[in-house]
Amino acid sequence: MISFNKTATLTATFAAALALSACQSTPSSPVIQRANSTYETTGIADTKVKAQQNAIDSAQKTCRSKQVIIVDDKVTYNGILDERTGRMVGQAGAVIGSIFGTGSPDLSRSDDYEYKINFRCQ
């Protein structure tokens, strides 16, 4: 039988590990304050959607309870191949992998997409 102290310690340890893993899975981009109450941040990820979400999450964290107003934005693709070729190679690899049961090759990197936004809080 496990005593109350051991159970409490195990629960606290599990909660701390869970909290730390949540922090690691949500990358935070640095935010730079610019003139005229505007800010700049860049989200980086392996897909365009994730990069956009990372940038918007950083902006929302900066604005707290205020609304994020994006002044301008820019998406940059930094992949090994150009974006269209990389997508075609990935799709062909998925088809071949499913035929031979080997899985599909992953050509993406965690920094393939950059989503830079300038924003203000309102």
PDB file of N, CA and C in Angstrom:
ATOM      1  N   MET A   1       0.836  -1.174   0.000  1.00  0.00           N
ATOM      2  CA  MET A   1       0.000   0.000   0.000  1.00  0.00           C
ATOM      3  C   MET A   1       0.887   1.246   0.000  1.00  0.00           C
ATOM      4  N   ILE A   2       0.511   2.226  -0.860  1.00  0.00           N
ATOM      5  CA  ILE A   2       1.287   3.461  -0.960  1.00  0.00           C
ATOM      6  C   ILE A   2       0.746   4.465   0.044  1.00  0.00           C
ATOM      7  N   SER A   3       1.655   5.093   0.772  1.00  0.00           N
ATOM      8  CA  SER A   3       1.227   6.067   1.768  1.00  0.00           C
ATOM      9  C   SER A   3       0.800   7.367   1.093  1.00  0.00           C
ATOM     10  N   PHE A   4       0.112   8.214   1.861  1.00  0.00           N
ATOM     11  CA  PHE A   4      -0.387   9.486   1.348  1.00  0.00           C
ATOM     12  C   PHE A   4       0.758  10.364   0.856  1.00  0.00           C
ATOM     13  N   ASN A   5       1.872  10.425   1.601  1.00  0.00           N
ATOM     14  CA  ASN A   5       2.996  11.269   1.217  1.00  0.00           C
ATOM     15  C   ASN A   5       3.597  10.838  -0.113  1.00  0.00           C
ATOM     16  N   LYS A   6       3.728   9.534  -0.334  1.00  0.00           N
ATOM     17  CA  LYS A   6       4.281   9.041  -1.594  1.00  0.00           C
ATOM     18  C   LYS A   6       3.325   9.342  -2.744  1.00  0.00           C
ATOM     19  N   THR A   7       2.027   9.187  -2.513  1.00  0.00           N
ATOM     20  CA  THR A   7       1.037   9.485  -3.545  1.00  0.00           C
ATOM     21  C   THR A   7       1.057  10.960  -3.897  1.00  0.00           C
ATOM     22  N   ALA A   8       1.132  11.805  -2.892  1.00  0.00           N
ATOM     23  CA  ALA A   8       1.176  13.250  -3.128  1.00  0.00           C
ATOM     24  C   ALA A   8       2.440  13.626  -3.882  1.00  0.00           C
ATOM     25  N   THR A   9       3.566  13.013  -3.527  1.00  0.00           N
ATOM     26  CA  THR A   9       4.826  13.284  -4.206  1.00  0.00           C
ATOM     27  C   THR A   9       4.771  12.831  -5.658  1.00  0.00           C
ATOM     28  N   LEU A  10       4.222  11.642  -5.897  1.00  0.00           N
ATOM     29  CA  LEU A  10       4.090  11.152  -7.271  1.00  0.00           C
ATOM     30  C   LEU A  10       3.176  12.053  -8.094  1.00  0.00           C
ATOM     31  N   THR A  11       2.084  12.496  -7.513  1.00  0.00           N
ATOM     32  CA  THR A  11       1.147  13.376  -8.206  1.00  0.00           C
ATOM     33  C   THR A  11       1.816  14.702  -8.537  1.00  0.00           C
ATOM     34  N   ALA A  12       2.542  15.264  -7.596  1.00  0.00           N
ATOM     35  CA  ALA A  12       3.229  16.539  -7.828  1.00  0.00           C
ATOM     36  C   ALA A  12       4.300  16.395  -8.898  1.00  0.00           C
ATOM     37  N   THR A  13       5.030  15.295  -8.865  1.00  0.00           N
ATOM     38  CA  THR A  13       6.065  15.052  -9.872  1.00  0.00           C
ATOM     39  C   THR A  13       5.446  14.914 -11.253  1.00  0.00           C
ATOM     40  N   PHE A  14       4.348  14.167 -11.347  1.00  0.00           N
ATOM     41  CA  PHE A  14       3.660  13.995 -12.628  1.00  0.00           C
ATOM     42  C   PHE A  14       3.143  15.336 -13.143  1.00  0.00           C
ATOM     43  N   ALA A  15       2.566  16.151 -12.273  1.00  0.00           N
ATOM     44  CA  ALA A  15       2.040  17.458 -12.673  1.00  0.00           C
ATOM     45  C   ALA A  15       3.156  18.378 -13.164  1.00  0.00           C
ATOM     46  N   ALA A  16       4.293  18.352 -12.481  1.00  0.00           N
ATOM     47  CA  ALA A  16       5.424  19.173 -12.902  1.00  0.00           C
ATOM     48  C   ALA A  16       5.953  18.724 -14.256  1.00  0.00           C
ATOM     49  N   ALA A  17       6.061  17.412 -14.465  1.00  0.00           N
ATOM     50  CA  ALA A  17       6.537  16.895 -15.753  1.00  0.00           C
ATOM     51  C   ALA A  17       5.575  17.269 -16.871  1.00  0.00           C
ATOM     52  N   LEU A  18       4.291  17.190 -16.602  1.00  0.00           N
ATOM     53  CA  LEU A  18       3.284  17.543 -17.594  1.00  0.00           C
ATOM     54  C   LEU A  18       3.368  19.027 -17.934  1.00  0.00           C
ATOM     55  N   ALA A  19       3.538  19.862 -16.940  1.00  0.00           N
ATOM     56  CA  ALA A  19       3.645  21.308 -17.173  1.00  0.00           C
ATOM     57  C   ALA A  19       4.884  21.641 -17.990  1.00  0.00           C
ATOM     58  N   LEU A  20       5.998  21.000 -17.669  1.00  0.00           N
ATOM     59  CA  LEU A  20       7.229  21.246 -18.419  1.00  0.00           C
ATOM     60  C   LEU A  20       7.114  20.771 -19.853  1.00  0.00           C
ATOM     61  N   SER A  21       6.475  19.641 -20.093  1.00  0.00           N
ATOM     62  CA  SER A  21       6.332  19.154 -21.459  1.00  0.00           C
ATOM     63  C   SER A  21       5.412  20.068 -22.254  1.00  0.00           C
ATOM     64  N   ALA A  22       4.416  20.668 -21.620  1.00  0.00           N
ATOM     65  CA  ALA A  22       3.538  21.611 -22.307  1.00  0.00           C
ATOM     66  C   ALA A  22       4.311  22.852 -22.712  1.00  0.00           C
ATOM     67  N   CYS A  23       5.216  23.291 -21.880  1.00  0.00           N
ATOM     68  CA  CYS A  23       6.031  24.452 -22.219  1.00  0.00           C
ATOM     69  C   CYS A  23       6.928  24.150 -23.409  1.00  0.00           C
ATOM     70  N   GLN A  24       7.467  22.966 -23.470  1.00  0.00           N
ATOM     71  CA  GLN A  24       8.354  22.607 -24.561  1.00  0.00           C
ATOM     72  C   GLN A  24       7.622  22.478 -25.880  1.00  0.00           C
ATOM     73  N   SER A  25       6.354  22.081 -25.877  1.00  0.00           N
ATOM     74  CA  SER A  25       5.642  21.872 -27.121  1.00  0.00           C
ATOM     75  C   SER A  25       5.047  23.161 -27.671  1.00  0.00           C
ATOM     76  N   THR A  26       5.093  24.252 -26.936  1.00  0.00           N
ATOM     77  CA  THR A  26       4.568  25.523 -27.395  1.00  0.00           C
ATOM     78  C   THR A  26       5.711  26.523 -27.501  1.00  0.00           C
ATOM     79  N   PRO A  27       6.378  26.561 -28.669  1.00  0.00           N
ATOM     80  CA  PRO A  27       7.501  27.472 -28.799  1.00  0.00           C
ATOM     81  C   PRO A  27       7.047  28.926 -28.745  1.00  0.00           C
ATOM     82  N   SER A  28       7.795  29.746 -28.072  1.00  0.00           N
ATOM     83  CA  SER A  28       7.473  31.157 -27.962  1.00  0.00           C
ATOM     84  C   SER A  28       8.523  31.959 -28.717  1.00  0.00           C
ATOM     85  N   SER A  29       8.057  32.820 -29.606  1.00  0.00           N
ATOM     86  CA  SER A  29       8.960  33.656 -30.389  1.00  0.00           C
ATOM     87  C   SER A  29       9.198  34.958 -29.647  1.00  0.00           C
ATOM     88  N   PRO A  30      10.403  35.499 -29.750  1.00  0.00           N
ATOM     89  CA  PRO A  30      10.643  36.786 -29.105  1.00  0.00           C
ATOM     90  C   PRO A  30       9.820  37.880 -29.788  1.00  0.00           C
ATOM     91  N   VAL A  31       9.383  38.848 -29.006  1.00  0.00           N
ATOM     92  CA  VAL A  31       8.610  39.964 -29.523  1.00  0.00           C
ATOM     93  C   VAL A  31       9.447  41.225 -29.357  1.00  0.00           C
ATOM     94  N   ILE A  32       9.550  42.008 -30.421  1.00  0.00           N
ATOM     95  CA  ILE A  32      10.332  43.242 -30.419  1.00  0.00           C
ATOM     96  C   ILE A  32       9.369  44.418 -30.509  1.00  0.00           C
ATOM     97  N   GLN A  33       9.522  45.380 -29.613  1.00  0.00           N
ATOM     98  CA  GLN A  33       8.672  46.562 -29.682  1.00  0.00           C
ATOM     99  C   GLN A  33       9.297  47.555 -30.655  1.00  0.00           C
ATOM    100  N   ARG A  34       8.466  48.053 -31.569  1.00  0.00           N
ATOM    101  CA  ARG A  34       8.885  49.040 -32.562  1.00  0.00           C
ATOM    102  C   ARG A  34       8.227  50.382 -32.260  1.00  0.00           C
ATOM    103  N   ALA A  35       8.466  51.370 -33.095  1.00  0.00           N
ATOM    104  CA  ALA A  35       7.887  52.703 -32.928  1.00  0.00           C
ATOM    105  C   ALA A  35       6.377  52.657 -33.112  1.00  0.00           C
ATOM    106  N   ASN A  36       5.691  53.671 -32.650  1.00  0.00           N
ATOM    107  CA  ASN A  36       4.250  53.851 -32.811  1.00  0.00           C
ATOM    108  C   ASN A  36       3.433  52.715 -32.203  1.00  0.00           C
ATOM    109  N   SER A  37       3.878  52.181 -31.090  1.00  0.00           N
ATOM    110  CA  SER A  37       3.152  51.122 -30.371  1.00  0.00           C
ATOM    111  C   SER A  37       2.919  49.874 -31.211  1.00  0.00           C
ATOM    112  N   THR A  38       3.844  49.559 -32.096  1.00  0.00           N
ATOM    113  CA  THR A  38       3.750  48.320 -32.858  1.00  0.00           C
ATOM    114  C   THR A  38       4.812  47.352 -32.369  1.00  0.00           C
ATOM    115  N   TYR A  39       4.562  46.085 -32.622  1.00  0.00           N
ATOM    116  CA  TYR A  39       5.457  45.012 -32.211  1.00  0.00           C
ATOM    117  C   TYR A  39       5.760  44.134 -33.419  1.00  0.00           C
ATOM    118  N   GLU A  40       6.820  43.353 -33.308  1.00  0.00           N
ATOM    119  CA  GLU A  40       7.209  42.432 -34.377  1.00  0.00           C
ATOM    120  C   GLU A  40       7.582  41.086 -33.762  1.00  0.00           C
ATOM    121  N   THR A  41       7.131  40.013 -34.402  1.00  0.00           N
ATOM    122  CA  THR A  41       7.526  38.672 -33.984  1.00  0.00           C
ATOM    123  C   THR A  41       7.526  37.769 -35.213  1.00  0.00           C
ATOM    124  N   THR A  42       8.222  36.651 -35.108  1.00  0.00           N
ATOM    125  CA  THR A  42       8.286  35.680 -36.196  1.00  0.00           C
ATOM    126  C   THR A  42       8.022  34.297 -35.636  1.00  0.00           C
ATOM    127  N   GLY A  43       7.032  33.627 -36.219  1.00  0.00           N
ATOM    128  CA  GLY A  43       6.750  32.238 -35.864  1.00  0.00           C
ATOM    129  C   GLY A  43       7.497  31.326 -36.816  1.00  0.00           C
ATOM    130  N   ILE A  44       8.127  30.286 -36.293  1.00  0.00           N
ATOM    131  CA  ILE A  44       8.913  29.352 -37.098  1.00  0.00           C
ATOM    132  C   ILE A  44       8.399  27.943 -36.844  1.00  0.00           C
ATOM    133  N   ALA A  45       8.193  27.169 -37.936  1.00  0.00           N
ATOM    134  CA  ALA A  45       7.701  25.798 -37.778  1.00  0.00           C
ATOM    135  C   ALA A  45       7.898  25.021 -39.075  1.00  0.00           C
ATOM    136  N   ASP A  46       7.505  23.739 -39.042  1.00  0.00           N
ATOM    137  CA  ASP A  46       7.644  22.882 -40.216  1.00  0.00           C
ATOM    138  C   ASP A  46       6.498  23.046 -41.209  1.00  0.00           C
ATOM    139  N   THR A  47       5.394  23.677 -40.805  1.00  0.00           N
ATOM    140  CA  THR A  47       4.307  23.976 -41.734  1.00  0.00           C
ATOM    141  C   THR A  47       3.939  25.454 -41.614  1.00  0.00           C
ATOM    142  N   LYS A  48       3.305  25.954 -42.671  1.00  0.00           N
ATOM    143  CA  LYS A  48       2.914  27.358 -42.677  1.00  0.00           C
ATOM    144  C   LYS A  48       1.884  27.646 -41.585  1.00  0.00           C
ATOM    145  N   VAL A  49       0.930  26.751 -41.416  1.00  0.00           N
ATOM    146  CA  VAL A  49      -0.121  26.946 -40.413  1.00  0.00           C
ATOM    147  C   VAL A  49       0.468  26.994 -39.005  1.00  0.00           C
ATOM    148  N   LYS A  50       1.394  26.091 -38.700  1.00  0.00           N
ATOM    149  CA  LYS A  50       2.021  26.086 -37.366  1.00  0.00           C
ATOM    150  C   LYS A  50       2.851  27.356 -37.144  1.00  0.00           C
ATOM    151  N   ALA A  51       3.561  27.809 -38.177  1.00  0.00           N
ATOM    152  CA  ALA A  51       4.356  29.034 -38.054  1.00  0.00           C
ATOM    153  C   ALA A  51       3.446  30.227 -37.789  1.00  0.00           C
ATOM    154  N   GLN A  52       2.321  30.294 -38.503  1.00  0.00           N
ATOM    155  CA  GLN A  52       1.367  31.372 -38.273  1.00  0.00           C
ATOM    156  C   GLN A  52       0.817  31.309 -36.854  1.00  0.00           C
ATOM    157  N   GLN A  53       0.470  30.114 -36.405  1.00  0.00           N
ATOM    158  CA  GLN A  53      -0.086  29.967 -35.060  1.00  0.00           C
ATOM    159  C   GLN A  53       0.938  30.358 -33.996  1.00  0.00           C
ATOM    160  N   ASN A  54       2.213  29.991 -34.200  1.00  0.00           N
ATOM    161  CA  ASN A  54       3.263  30.353 -33.242  1.00  0.00           C
ATOM    162  C   ASN A  54       3.407  31.870 -33.137  1.00  0.00           C
ATOM    163  N   ALA A  55       3.380  32.562 -34.282  1.00  0.00           N
ATOM    164  CA  ALA A  55       3.508  34.024 -34.268  1.00  0.00           C
ATOM    165  C   ALA A  55       2.300  34.661 -33.593  1.00  0.00           C
ATOM    166  N   ILE A  56       1.108  34.174 -33.920  1.00  0.00           N
ATOM    167  CA  ILE A  56      -0.112  34.737 -33.334  1.00  0.00           C
ATOM    168  C   ILE A  56      -0.166  34.454 -31.836  1.00  0.00           C
ATOM    169  N   ASP A  57       0.278  33.275 -31.408  1.00  0.00           N
ATOM    170  CA  ASP A  57       0.324  32.968 -29.972  1.00  0.00           C
ATOM    171  C   ASP A  57       1.237  33.940 -29.228  1.00  0.00           C
ATOM    172  N   SER A  58       2.395  34.246 -29.816  1.00  0.00           N
ATOM    173  CA  SER A  58       3.311  35.205 -29.180  1.00  0.00           C
ATOM    174  C   SER A  58       2.690  36.593 -29.127  1.00  0.00           C
ATOM    175  N   ALA A  59       1.992  36.974 -30.192  1.00  0.00           N
ATOM    176  CA  ALA A  59       1.332  38.277 -30.219  1.00  0.00           C
ATOM    177  C   ALA A  59       0.234  38.341 -29.150  1.00  0.00           C
ATOM    178  N   GLN A  60      -0.561  37.278 -29.038  1.00  0.00           N
ATOM    179  CA  GLN A  60      -1.633  37.255 -28.036  1.00  0.00           C
ATOM    180  C   GLN A  60      -1.074  37.301 -26.621  1.00  0.00           C
ATOM    181  N   LYS A  61       0.062  36.642 -26.410  1.00  0.00           N
ATOM    182  CA  LYS A  61       0.691  36.671 -25.090  1.00  0.00           C
ATOM    183  C   LYS A  61       1.158  38.093 -24.764  1.00  0.00           C
ATOM    184  N   THR A  62       1.640  38.814 -25.775  1.00  0.00           N
ATOM    185  CA  THR A  62       2.093  40.184 -25.575  1.00  0.00           C
ATOM    186  C   THR A  62       0.916  41.117 -25.295  1.00  0.00           C
ATOM    187  N   CYS A  63      -0.174  40.953 -26.048  1.00  0.00           N
ATOM    188  CA  CYS A  63      -1.340  41.838 -25.906  1.00  0.00           C
ATOM    189  C   CYS A  63      -2.204  41.490 -24.706  1.00  0.00           C
ATOM    190  N   ARG A  64      -2.023  40.320 -24.152  1.00  0.00           N
ATOM    191  CA  ARG A  64      -2.795  39.826 -23.013  1.00  0.00           C
ATOM    192  C   ARG A  64      -4.280  39.875 -23.319  1.00  0.00           C
ATOM    193  N   SER A  65      -5.037  40.739 -22.650  1.00  0.00           N
ATOM    194  CA  SER A  65      -6.494  40.744 -22.834  1.00  0.00           C
ATOM    195  C   SER A  65      -6.938  41.650 -23.980  1.00  0.00           C
ATOM    196  N   LYS A  66      -6.025  42.369 -24.593  1.00  0.00           N
ATOM    197  CA  LYS A  66      -6.365  43.238 -25.718  1.00  0.00           C
ATOM    198  C   LYS A  66      -6.374  42.430 -27.015  1.00  0.00           C
ATOM    199  N   GLN A  67      -6.983  43.008 -28.037  1.00  0.00           N
ATOM    200  CA  GLN A  67      -7.069  42.337 -29.339  1.00  0.00           C
ATOM    201  C   GLN A  67      -5.792  42.579 -30.147  1.00  0.00           C
ATOM    202  N   VAL A  68      -5.336  41.551 -30.856  1.00  0.00           N
ATOM    203  CA  VAL A  68      -4.169  41.647 -31.729  1.00  0.00           C
ATOM    204  C   VAL A  68      -4.627  42.171 -33.085  1.00  0.00           C
ATOM    205  N   ILE A  69      -4.025  43.259 -33.523  1.00  0.00           N
ATOM    206  CA  ILE A  69      -4.300  43.820 -34.845  1.00  0.00           C
ATOM    207  C   ILE A  69      -3.026  43.671 -35.667  1.00  0.00           C
ATOM    208  N   ILE A  70      -3.077  42.837 -36.702  1.00  0.00           N
ATOM    209  CA  ILE A  70      -1.895  42.614 -37.546  1.00  0.00           C
ATOM    210  C   ILE A  70      -1.802  43.748 -38.559  1.00  0.00           C
ATOM    211  N   VAL A  71      -0.672  44.460 -38.527  1.00  0.00           N
ATOM    212  CA  VAL A  71      -0.439  45.583 -39.420  1.00  0.00           C
ATOM    213  C   VAL A  71       0.050  45.078 -40.772  1.00  0.00           C
ATOM    214  N   ASP A  72       1.000  44.171 -40.767  1.00  0.00           N
ATOM    215  CA  ASP A  72       1.430  43.493 -41.987  1.00  0.00           C
ATOM    216  C   ASP A  72       2.063  42.156 -41.635  1.00  0.00           C
ATOM    217  N   ASP A  73       2.146  41.287 -42.643  1.00  0.00           N
ATOM    218  CA  ASP A  73       2.694  39.952 -42.419  1.00  0.00           C
ATOM    219  C   ASP A  73       3.408  39.462 -43.673  1.00  0.00           C
ATOM    220  N   LYS A  74       4.269  38.469 -43.463  1.00  0.00           N
ATOM    221  CA  LYS A  74       5.044  37.910 -44.580  1.00  0.00           C
ATOM    222  C   LYS A  74       5.391  36.466 -44.240  1.00  0.00           C
ATOM    223  N   VAL A  75       5.127  35.556 -45.178  1.00  0.00           N
ATOM    224  CA  VAL A  75       5.488  34.148 -45.016  1.00  0.00           C
ATOM    225  C   VAL A  75       6.710  33.873 -45.876  1.00  0.00           C
ATOM    226  N   THR A  76       7.705  33.230 -45.308  1.00  0.00           N
ATOM    227  CA  THR A  76       8.915  32.854 -46.038  1.00  0.00           C
ATOM    228  C   THR A  76       9.111  31.348 -45.913  1.00  0.00           C
ATOM    229  N   TYR A  77       9.363  30.693 -47.045  1.00  0.00           N
ATOM    230  CA  TYR A  77       9.628  29.254 -47.052  1.00  0.00           C
ATOM    231  C   TYR A  77      11.133  29.049 -47.163  1.00  0.00           C
ATOM    232  N   ASN A  78      11.719  28.276 -46.245  1.00  0.00           N
ATOM    233  CA  ASN A  78      13.164  28.046 -46.195  1.00  0.00           C
ATOM    234  C   ASN A  78      13.526  26.579 -46.389  1.00  0.00           C
ATOM    235  N   GLY A  79      12.672  25.800 -47.035  1.00  0.00           N
ATOM    236  CA  GLY A  79      12.889  24.364 -47.159  1.00  0.00           C
ATOM    237  C   GLY A  79      14.053  24.002 -48.060  1.00  0.00           C
ATOM    238  N   ILE A  80      14.409  22.725 -48.027  1.00  0.00           N
ATOM    239  CA  ILE A  80      15.517  22.206 -48.840  1.00  0.00           C
ATOM    240  C   ILE A  80      15.196  22.360 -50.319  1.00  0.00           C
ATOM    241  N   LEU A  81      14.001  21.925 -50.707  1.00  0.00           N
ATOM    242  CA  LEU A  81      13.518  22.067 -52.078  1.00  0.00           C
ATOM    243  C   LEU A  81      12.552  23.235 -52.113  1.00  0.00           C
ATOM    244  N   ASP A  82      12.195  23.702 -53.327  1.00  0.00           N
ATOM    245  CA  ASP A  82      11.172  24.730 -53.339  1.00  0.00           C
ATOM    246  C   ASP A  82       9.862  24.120 -52.858  1.00  0.00           C
ATOM    247  N   GLU A  83       8.944  24.966 -52.449  1.00  0.00           N
ATOM    248  CA  GLU A  83       7.736  24.500 -51.760  1.00  0.00           C
ATOM    249  C   GLU A  83       6.926  23.506 -52.585  1.00  0.00           C
ATOM    250  N   ARG A  84       6.697  23.772 -53.857  1.00  0.00           N
ATOM    251  CA  ARG A  84       5.889  22.892 -54.702  1.00  0.00           C
ATOM    252  C   ARG A  84       6.585  21.545 -54.923  1.00  0.00           C
ATOM    253  N   THR A  85       7.888  21.566 -55.200  1.00  0.00           N
ATOM    254  CA  THR A  85       8.635  20.322 -55.409  1.00  0.00           C
ATOM    255  C   THR A  85       8.649  19.482 -54.139  1.00  0.00           C
ATOM    256  N   GLY A  86       8.847  20.124 -53.013  1.00  0.00           N
ATOM    257  CA  GLY A  86       8.848  19.409 -51.741  1.00  0.00           C
ATOM    258  C   GLY A  86       7.522  18.718 -51.480  1.00  0.00           C
ATOM    259  N   ARG A  87       6.423  19.394 -51.811  1.00  0.00           N
ATOM    260  CA  ARG A  87       5.096  18.812 -51.626  1.00  0.00           C
ATOM    261  C   ARG A  87       4.907  17.604 -52.549  1.00  0.00           C
ATOM    262  N   MET A  88       5.352  17.718 -53.818  1.00  0.00           N
ATOM    263  CA  MET A  88       5.208  16.607 -54.770  1.00  0.00           C
ATOM    264  C   MET A  88       6.061  15.417 -54.354  1.00  0.00           C
ATOM    265  N   VAL A  89       7.277  15.662 -53.901  1.00  0.00           N
ATOM    266  CA  VAL A  89       8.153  14.583 -53.444  1.00  0.00           C
ATOM    267  C   VAL A  89       7.541  13.896 -52.225  1.00  0.00           C
ATOM    268  N   GLY A  90       6.978  14.678 -51.308  1.00  0.00           N
ATOM    269  CA  GLY A  90       6.338  14.111 -50.134  1.00  0.00           C
ATOM    270  C   GLY A  90       5.147  13.242 -50.487  1.00  0.00           C
ATOM    271  N   GLN A  91       4.336  13.687 -51.447  1.00  0.00           N
ATOM    272  CA  GLN A  91       3.169  12.907 -51.866  1.00  0.00           C
ATOM    273  C   GLN A  91       3.602  11.628 -52.579  1.00  0.00           C
ATOM    274  N   ALA A  92       4.599  11.727 -53.453  1.00  0.00           N
ATOM    275  CA  ALA A  92       5.090  10.535 -54.152  1.00  0.00           C
ATOM    276  C   ALA A  92       5.696   9.549 -53.158  1.00  0.00           C
ATOM    277  N   GLY A  93       6.434  10.063 -52.187  1.00  0.00           N
ATOM    278  CA  GLY A  93       7.022   9.198 -51.166  1.00  0.00           C
ATOM    279  C   GLY A  93       5.957   8.497 -50.339  1.00  0.00           C
ATOM    280  N   ALA A  94       4.856   9.204 -50.058  1.00  0.00           N
ATOM    281  CA  ALA A  94       3.767   8.599 -49.292  1.00  0.00           C
ATOM    282  C   ALA A  94       3.120   7.459 -50.072  1.00  0.00           C
ATOM    283  N   VAL A  95       2.939   7.641 -51.385  1.00  0.00           N
ATOM    284  CA  VAL A  95       2.339   6.597 -52.221  1.00  0.00           C
ATOM    285  C   VAL A  95       3.265   5.389 -52.287  1.00  0.00           C
ATOM    286  N   ILE A  96       4.540   5.629 -52.552  1.00  0.00           N
ATOM    287  CA  ILE A  96       5.517   4.526 -52.645  1.00  0.00           C
ATOM    288  C   ILE A  96       5.648   3.827 -51.294  1.00  0.00           C
ATOM    289  N   GLY A  97       5.687   4.612 -50.212  1.00  0.00           N
ATOM    290  CA  GLY A  97       5.798   4.039 -48.875  1.00  0.00           C
ATOM    291  C   GLY A  97       4.602   3.177 -48.523  1.00  0.00           C
ATOM    292  N   SER A  98       3.400   3.591 -48.959  1.00  0.00           N
ATOM    293  CA  SER A  98       2.222   2.781 -48.647  1.00  0.00           C
ATOM    294  C   SER A  98       2.204   1.492 -49.465  1.00  0.00           C
ATOM    295  N   ILE A  99       2.760   1.531 -50.670  1.00  0.00           N
ATOM    296  CA  ILE A  99       2.822   0.317 -51.500  1.00  0.00           C
ATOM    297  C   ILE A  99       3.790  -0.697 -50.897  1.00  0.00           C
ATOM    298  N   PHE A 100       4.951  -0.219 -50.494  1.00  0.00           N
ATOM    299  CA  PHE A 100       5.984  -1.113 -49.964  1.00  0.00           C
ATOM    300  C   PHE A 100       5.944  -1.244 -48.446  1.00  0.00           C
ATOM    301  N   GLY A 101       5.073  -0.497 -47.790  1.00  0.00           N
ATOM    302  CA  GLY A 101       4.933  -0.595 -46.331  1.00  0.00           C
ATOM    303  C   GLY A 101       6.102  -0.016 -45.567  1.00  0.00           C
ATOM    304  N   THR A 102       6.776   0.970 -46.144  1.00  0.00           N
ATOM    305  CA  THR A 102       7.950   1.547 -45.484  1.00  0.00           C
ATOM    306  C   THR A 102       7.688   2.923 -44.885  1.00  0.00           C
ATOM    307  N   GLY A 103       6.504   3.464 -45.076  1.00  0.00           N
ATOM    308  CA  GLY A 103       6.218   4.808 -44.584  1.00  0.00           C
ATOM    309  C   GLY A 103       6.717   5.846 -45.568  1.00  0.00           C
ATOM    310  N   SER A 104       6.443   7.096 -45.292  1.00  0.00           N
ATOM    311  CA  SER A 104       6.847   8.157 -46.213  1.00  0.00           C
ATOM    312  C   SER A 104       8.046   8.911 -45.650  1.00  0.00           C
ATOM    313  N   PRO A 105       8.936   9.382 -46.544  1.00  0.00           N
ATOM    314  CA  PRO A 105      10.086  10.149 -46.083  1.00  0.00           C
ATOM    315  C   PRO A 105       9.636  11.519 -45.593  1.00  0.00           C
ATOM    316  N   ASP A 106      10.297  12.024 -44.590  1.00  0.00           N
ATOM    317  CA  ASP A 106       9.958  13.336 -44.054  1.00  0.00           C
ATOM    318  C   ASP A 106      11.074  14.306 -44.416  1.00  0.00           C
ATOM    319  N   LEU A 107      10.808  15.161 -45.379  1.00  0.00           N
ATOM    320  CA  LEU A 107      11.799  16.134 -45.810  1.00  0.00           C
ATOM    321  C   LEU A 107      11.675  17.462 -45.074  1.00  0.00           C
ATOM    322  N   SER A 108      10.647  17.603 -44.245  1.00  0.00           N
ATOM    323  CA  SER A 108      10.432  18.875 -43.559  1.00  0.00           C
ATOM    324  C   SER A 108      11.371  19.025 -42.377  1.00  0.00           C
ATOM    325  N   ARG A 109      11.671  20.279 -42.077  1.00  0.00           N
ATOM    326  CA  ARG A 109      12.476  20.626 -40.908  1.00  0.00           C
ATOM    327  C   ARG A 109      11.654  21.550 -40.039  1.00  0.00           C
ATOM    328  N   SER A 110      12.041  21.715 -38.819  1.00  0.00           N
ATOM    329  CA  SER A 110      11.260  22.532 -37.886  1.00  0.00           C
ATOM    330  C   SER A 110      11.345  24.023 -38.204  1.00  0.00           C
ATOM    331  N   ASP A 111      12.194  24.423 -39.145  1.00  0.00           N
ATOM    332  CA  ASP A 111      12.311  25.842 -39.497  1.00  0.00           C
ATOM    333  C   ASP A 111      12.011  26.103 -40.976  1.00  0.00           C
ATOM    334  N   ASP A 112      11.212  25.253 -41.599  1.00  0.00           N
ATOM    335  CA  ASP A 112      10.893  25.423 -43.016  1.00  0.00           C
ATOM    336  C   ASP A 112      10.116  26.705 -43.301  1.00  0.00           C
ATOM    337  N   TYR A 113       9.234  27.101 -42.397  1.00  0.00           N
ATOM    338  CA  TYR A 113       8.408  28.286 -42.612  1.00  0.00           C
ATOM    339  C   TYR A 113       8.658  29.329 -41.539  1.00  0.00           C
ATOM    340  N   GLU A 114       8.703  30.586 -41.980  1.00  0.00           N
ATOM    341  CA  GLU A 114       8.782  31.731 -41.081  1.00  0.00           C
ATOM    342  C   GLU A 114       7.581  32.618 -41.381  1.00  0.00           C
ATOM    343  N   TYR A 115       6.865  32.996 -40.348  1.00  0.00           N
ATOM    344  CA  TYR A 115       5.732  33.903 -40.499  1.00  0.00           C
ATOM    345  C   TYR A 115       6.028  35.129 -39.652  1.00  0.00           C
ATOM    346  N   LYS A 116       6.398  36.220 -40.314  1.00  0.00           N
ATOM    347  CA  LYS A 116       6.759  37.462 -39.624  1.00  0.00           C
ATOM    348  C   LYS A 116       5.546  38.382 -39.622  1.00  0.00           C
ATOM    349  N   ILE A 117       5.195  38.879 -38.436  1.00  0.00           N
ATOM    350  CA  ILE A 117       4.087  39.821 -38.339  1.00  0.00           C
ATOM    351  C   ILE A 117       4.501  41.072 -37.582  1.00  0.00           C
ATOM    352  N   ASN A 118       3.952  42.185 -38.013  1.00  0.00           N
ATOM    353  CA  ASN A 118       4.001  43.420 -37.265  1.00  0.00           C
ATOM    354  C   ASN A 118       2.578  43.640 -36.776  1.00  0.00           C
ATOM    355  N   PHE A 119       2.422  43.935 -35.495  1.00  0.00           N
ATOM    356  CA  PHE A 119       1.098  44.023 -34.931  1.00  0.00           C
ATOM    357  C   PHE A 119       1.048  45.099 -33.854  1.00  0.00           C
ATOM    358  N   ARG A 120      -0.169  45.418 -33.471  1.00  0.00           N
ATOM    359  CA  ARG A 120      -0.384  46.302 -32.330  1.00  0.00           C
ATOM    360  C   ARG A 120      -1.516  45.742 -31.485  1.00  0.00           C
ATOM    361  N   CYS A 121      -1.595  46.191 -30.279  1.00  0.00           N
ATOM    362  CA  CYS A 121      -2.620  45.727 -29.349  1.00  0.00           C
ATOM    363  C   CYS A 121      -3.691  46.810 -29.212  1.00  0.00           C
ATOM    364  N   GLN A 122      -4.938  46.399 -29.297  1.00  0.00           N
ATOM    365  CA  GLN A 122      -6.026  47.391 -29.213  1.00  0.00           C
ATOM    366  C   GLN A 122      -7.120  46.897 -28.278  1.00  0.00           C
TER     367      GLN A 122
END
